[in-house]
Amino acid sequence: MKAETDSEKDFFDCECPYCRKEVSFPKEWTGTIQACLWCAQNFVIPYGPSETPKAVSLEIRTERLLLRRLKVTDTSDLLEFLSDKNSLMYSDMRTMTQEEVDGWLAADTKSEPCLNPSLDTYFGIELLAEPKLIALVSFEYRGERFKGAGFDLVVNKQFRRQGYGTEIVRGVLEFAFERANLHRVAMGCCSEDTAGLRMFAKAGLRREGELIESRLLNGKWMNMTVVAMLQWEWNQSAST
């Protein structure tokens, strides 16, 4: 029997939960998101060869909503709020024409369904009661070094003040902490966006501080309130 070398001891093999091919990763990568070398799909590296690798599914169901990848048929629903400047007042997202939305969706739906630190992952938020997209989430994965993420959210103004925003945020947090096994979710919310700050508070995020004139939105420098949650805080809130 061949003796295991020191370099081999620092790696272990596991099976990709998507393509079922064997891949090898450094042991210090356990618990992090990595892409399969064969199919490029993301999954959470297990803590040992006895554990099963965890697929990072890009779909979450809440009580009333489905968080999913975008489809080319989402154009008309997206245009209802992406073409409205007032709906994007406190968002980094910009207004778009139908032609721009069509081009963007065509490119996004052809991309690999995986988390990439250099590209945002987009979730369309669909009502379970009917095939209607009511919101869009831009999810920023910050890589294995930080095990963190942030996100931006825009809800169609016709569906605001109905608790959907809070439900969406909880769904995104479930994805981040339970599917992607991240350590921290944090982002800035415009300090003038009182409705947004209430939404984040209801979803359980903490206020960590305020950054003075840190973001240029619609030609004006805005103060940003940092809101955040850690994985252990999510686990604690989910168990109550």
Protein backbone atom coordinates (compact mmCIF):
# COMPACT_ATOMS: atom_id res chain seq x y z
CA MET A 1 0.00 0.00 0.00
CA LYS A 2 1.37 3.38 -1.01
CA ALA A 3 2.08 5.73 1.90
CA GLU A 4 0.27 9.04 1.87
CA THR A 5 2.60 11.99 1.27
CA ASP A 6 2.50 15.18 3.36
CA SER A 7 0.93 17.11 0.45
CA GLU A 8 -1.77 14.46 -0.02
CA LYS A 9 -2.63 14.67 3.69
CA ASP A 10 -3.59 18.32 3.16
CA PHE A 11 -6.29 17.38 0.61
CA PHE A 12 -9.34 15.14 0.54
CA ASP A 13 -11.54 13.92 -2.27
CA CYS A 14 -15.29 14.30 -2.52
CA GLU A 15 -18.01 13.84 -5.11
CA CYS A 16 -19.59 16.86 -6.78
CA PRO A 17 -23.33 16.84 -5.92
CA TYR A 18 -24.12 18.01 -9.49
CA CYS A 19 -21.99 16.07 -12.00
CA ARG A 20 -21.02 13.27 -9.55
CA LYS A 21 -17.37 13.44 -10.55
CA GLU A 22 -14.59 13.25 -7.98
CA VAL A 23 -12.81 16.46 -7.06
CA SER A 24 -10.02 17.22 -4.59
CA PHE A 25 -9.79 20.28 -2.33
CA PRO A 26 -7.37 21.57 0.35
CA LYS A 27 -8.61 20.73 3.83
CA GLU A 28 -8.48 24.41 4.88
CA TRP A 29 -11.30 25.05 2.39
CA THR A 30 -13.82 23.06 4.44
CA GLY A 31 -17.10 24.89 4.96
CA THR A 32 -16.44 27.29 2.06
CA ILE A 33 -18.14 27.61 -1.33
CA GLN A 34 -16.08 26.29 -4.24
CA ALA A 35 -16.77 25.56 -7.89
CA CYS A 36 -16.47 22.04 -9.24
CA LEU A 37 -13.45 21.73 -11.55
CA TRP A 38 -15.56 19.68 -13.98
CA CYS A 39 -18.98 21.39 -14.18
CA ALA A 40 -18.27 24.80 -12.53
CA GLN A 41 -21.28 24.46 -10.20
CA ASN A 42 -20.92 25.77 -6.64
CA PHE A 43 -21.21 23.65 -3.53
CA VAL A 44 -20.12 23.84 0.11
CA ILE A 45 -17.00 21.79 0.78
CA PRO A 46 -17.69 19.26 3.58
CA TYR A 47 -15.68 19.13 6.79
CA GLY A 48 -14.44 15.62 6.05
CA PRO A 49 -14.72 12.68 3.64
CA SER A 50 -17.55 11.19 5.72
CA GLU A 51 -19.84 14.18 5.05
CA THR A 52 -21.85 14.80 1.90
CA PRO A 53 -21.04 17.96 -0.13
CA LYS A 54 -23.91 20.45 0.06
CA ALA A 55 -25.29 21.81 -3.22
CA VAL A 56 -25.92 25.57 -3.24
CA SER A 57 -29.44 25.69 -4.66
CA LEU A 58 -30.42 29.09 -6.09
CA GLU A 59 -34.08 28.68 -5.16
CA ILE A 60 -35.81 29.51 -1.89
CA ARG A 61 -39.51 29.26 -0.99
CA THR A 62 -41.04 31.39 1.72
CA GLU A 63 -44.65 31.49 2.90
CA ARG A 64 -45.85 33.51 -0.10
CA LEU A 65 -42.86 33.83 -2.41
CA LEU A 66 -40.36 32.00 -4.61
CA LEU A 67 -36.82 33.37 -4.89
CA ARG A 68 -35.43 32.04 -8.17
CA ARG A 69 -33.16 32.74 -11.10
CA LEU A 70 -34.46 35.11 -13.72
CA LYS A 71 -36.17 33.98 -16.93
CA VAL A 72 -36.35 35.64 -20.34
CA THR A 73 -40.13 35.84 -19.86
CA ASP A 74 -39.70 38.20 -16.86
CA THR A 75 -39.25 41.31 -19.03
CA SER A 76 -42.68 42.91 -18.59
CA ASP A 77 -42.76 42.37 -14.81
CA LEU A 78 -39.23 43.74 -14.37
CA LEU A 79 -40.01 46.79 -16.51
CA GLU A 80 -42.82 47.80 -14.14
CA PHE A 81 -40.23 48.87 -11.57
CA LEU A 82 -36.88 48.99 -13.39
CA SER A 83 -38.23 51.68 -15.72
CA ASP A 84 -39.47 53.78 -12.76
CA LYS A 85 -36.85 56.21 -11.41
CA ASN A 86 -38.77 56.73 -8.15
CA SER A 87 -38.75 52.99 -7.42
CA LEU A 88 -34.94 53.02 -7.65
CA MET A 89 -34.45 56.18 -5.58
CA TYR A 90 -32.42 54.42 -2.87
CA SER A 91 -31.00 51.62 -5.00
CA ASP A 92 -27.73 51.16 -6.88
CA MET A 93 -29.76 49.66 -9.71
CA ARG A 94 -30.41 51.98 -12.64
CA THR A 95 -33.48 52.54 -14.79
CA MET A 96 -33.65 50.36 -17.90
CA THR A 97 -35.57 50.31 -21.16
CA GLN A 98 -37.26 47.20 -22.54
CA GLU A 99 -34.38 46.69 -24.96
CA GLU A 100 -31.86 46.89 -22.12
CA VAL A 101 -33.86 44.49 -19.94
CA ASP A 102 -34.18 42.01 -22.83
CA GLY A 103 -30.42 42.11 -23.45
CA TRP A 104 -29.58 41.77 -19.77
CA LEU A 105 -31.95 38.82 -19.26
CA ALA A 106 -30.60 37.05 -22.34
CA ALA A 107 -27.07 37.26 -20.93
CA ASP A 108 -28.03 36.42 -17.32
CA THR A 109 -30.08 33.34 -18.20
CA LYS A 110 -27.18 31.94 -20.24
CA SER A 111 -24.68 32.32 -17.40
CA GLU A 112 -23.74 29.46 -15.09
CA PRO A 113 -26.08 29.19 -12.07
CA CYS A 114 -23.36 29.70 -9.48
CA LEU A 115 -21.99 32.28 -7.04
CA ASN A 116 -19.10 34.37 -8.35
CA PRO A 117 -17.27 37.05 -6.31
CA SER A 118 -16.78 39.13 -9.46
CA LEU A 119 -20.42 39.08 -10.58
CA ASP A 120 -23.72 39.74 -8.79
CA THR A 121 -26.26 36.91 -8.66
CA TYR A 122 -29.82 38.01 -9.41
CA PHE A 123 -32.96 36.56 -7.84
CA GLY A 124 -36.40 37.22 -9.24
CA ILE A 125 -39.08 37.25 -6.53
CA GLU A 126 -42.26 35.55 -7.72
CA LEU A 127 -45.63 35.24 -6.01
CA LEU A 128 -46.55 31.63 -5.26
CA ALA A 129 -50.24 32.43 -5.76
CA GLU A 130 -49.72 33.56 -9.38
CA PRO A 131 -46.84 33.77 -11.90
CA LYS A 132 -46.02 37.41 -11.12
CA LEU A 133 -42.52 38.78 -10.48
CA ILE A 134 -42.80 41.52 -7.84
CA ALA A 135 -39.19 42.25 -6.88
CA LEU A 136 -35.54 41.84 -7.77
CA VAL A 137 -32.56 41.02 -5.54
CA SER A 138 -28.97 41.64 -6.54
CA PHE A 139 -26.82 39.35 -4.34
CA GLU A 140 -23.12 40.17 -3.93
CA TYR A 141 -21.04 37.17 -2.82
CA ARG A 142 -17.74 38.41 -1.35
CA GLY A 143 -15.74 35.22 -1.74
CA GLU A 144 -14.33 32.46 0.43
CA ARG A 145 -11.83 34.74 2.17
CA PHE A 146 -14.59 36.76 3.84
CA LYS A 147 -17.44 34.20 3.77
CA GLY A 148 -19.78 37.15 3.46
CA ALA A 149 -22.29 38.81 1.18
CA GLY A 150 -24.49 41.85 0.73
CA PHE A 151 -27.53 42.52 -1.41
CA ASP A 152 -29.72 45.18 -2.96
CA LEU A 153 -33.51 44.87 -3.15
CA VAL A 154 -36.15 46.62 -5.25
CA VAL A 155 -39.86 45.86 -4.76
CA ASN A 156 -42.59 46.84 -7.21
CA LYS A 157 -44.36 49.80 -5.54
CA GLN A 158 -47.74 48.10 -6.08
CA PHE A 159 -46.67 45.36 -3.66
CA ARG A 160 -45.13 47.44 -0.90
CA ARG A 161 -46.52 47.79 2.64
CA GLN A 162 -47.73 44.18 2.54
CA GLY A 163 -44.82 42.55 4.36
CA TYR A 164 -43.24 41.20 1.18
CA GLY A 165 -39.99 43.13 1.68
CA THR A 166 -39.35 41.60 5.10
CA GLU A 167 -40.25 38.15 3.76
CA ILE A 168 -37.80 38.59 0.88
CA VAL A 169 -34.98 39.66 3.20
CA ARG A 170 -35.56 36.62 5.41
CA GLY A 171 -35.48 34.43 2.29
CA VAL A 172 -32.18 35.95 1.19
CA LEU A 173 -30.73 35.44 4.67
CA GLU A 174 -31.86 31.80 4.60
CA PHE A 175 -30.05 31.35 1.30
CA ALA A 176 -26.89 33.03 2.61
CA PHE A 177 -26.65 31.21 5.93
CA GLU A 178 -28.30 27.84 5.34
CA ARG A 179 -27.56 27.18 1.66
CA ALA A 180 -24.27 29.01 1.14
CA ASN A 181 -22.95 28.59 4.71
CA LEU A 182 -21.78 32.20 4.91
CA HIS A 183 -20.52 33.85 8.09
CA ARG A 184 -21.82 37.40 7.63
CA VAL A 185 -24.30 39.42 5.57
CA ALA A 186 -23.89 43.20 5.63
CA MET A 187 -24.79 46.14 3.41
CA GLY A 188 -25.57 49.83 3.45
CA CYS A 189 -29.08 51.26 3.44
CA CYS A 190 -29.60 54.93 2.63
CA SER A 191 -30.19 56.69 5.96
CA GLU A 192 -33.08 58.65 4.42
CA ASP A 193 -34.83 55.39 3.48
CA THR A 194 -36.77 54.97 6.72
CA ALA A 195 -39.07 52.31 5.24
CA GLY A 196 -36.05 50.26 4.17
CA LEU A 197 -34.44 50.53 7.60
CA ARG A 198 -37.68 49.38 9.26
CA MET A 199 -37.82 46.43 6.85
CA PHE A 200 -34.28 45.33 7.69
CA ALA A 201 -34.96 45.72 11.42
CA LYS A 202 -38.09 43.54 11.16
CA ALA A 203 -36.02 40.91 9.36
CA GLY A 204 -33.58 40.88 12.29
CA LEU A 205 -30.58 42.81 10.97
CA ARG A 206 -28.64 45.05 13.35
CA ARG A 207 -27.58 48.64 12.75
CA GLU A 208 -23.78 48.82 12.98
CA GLY A 209 -23.16 52.48 12.25
CA GLU A 210 -23.52 55.27 9.72
CA LEU A 211 -21.16 56.16 6.89
CA ILE A 212 -21.30 59.89 6.13
CA GLU A 213 -21.83 60.86 2.48
CA SER A 214 -20.45 57.50 1.37
CA ARG A 215 -22.60 56.82 -1.71
CA LEU A 216 -23.63 58.92 -4.69
CA LEU A 217 -27.28 58.24 -5.55
CA ASN A 218 -29.12 60.23 -8.20
CA GLY A 219 -26.49 62.94 -8.12
CA LYS A 220 -26.54 63.39 -4.35
CA TRP A 221 -24.10 62.16 -1.69
CA MET A 222 -26.05 60.07 0.82
CA ASN A 223 -25.30 58.81 4.33
CA MET A 224 -25.50 55.03 4.52
CA THR A 225 -26.57 53.05 7.58
CA VAL A 226 -24.77 49.71 7.79
CA VAL A 227 -27.04 46.77 8.69
CA ALA A 228 -25.73 43.26 9.29
CA MET A 229 -26.32 39.78 10.62
CA LEU A 230 -23.97 36.91 11.53
CA GLN A 231 -24.69 33.24 10.98
CA TRP A 232 -25.01 32.52 14.71
CA GLU A 233 -27.54 35.35 15.01
CA TRP A 234 -29.55 33.84 12.16
CA ASN A 235 -29.47 30.42 13.79
CA GLN A 236 -30.60 31.94 17.06
CA SER A 237 -33.48 33.86 15.45
CA ALA A 238 -34.56 30.88 13.34
CA SER A 239 -34.82 28.67 16.43
CA THR A 240 -37.14 31.06 18.32
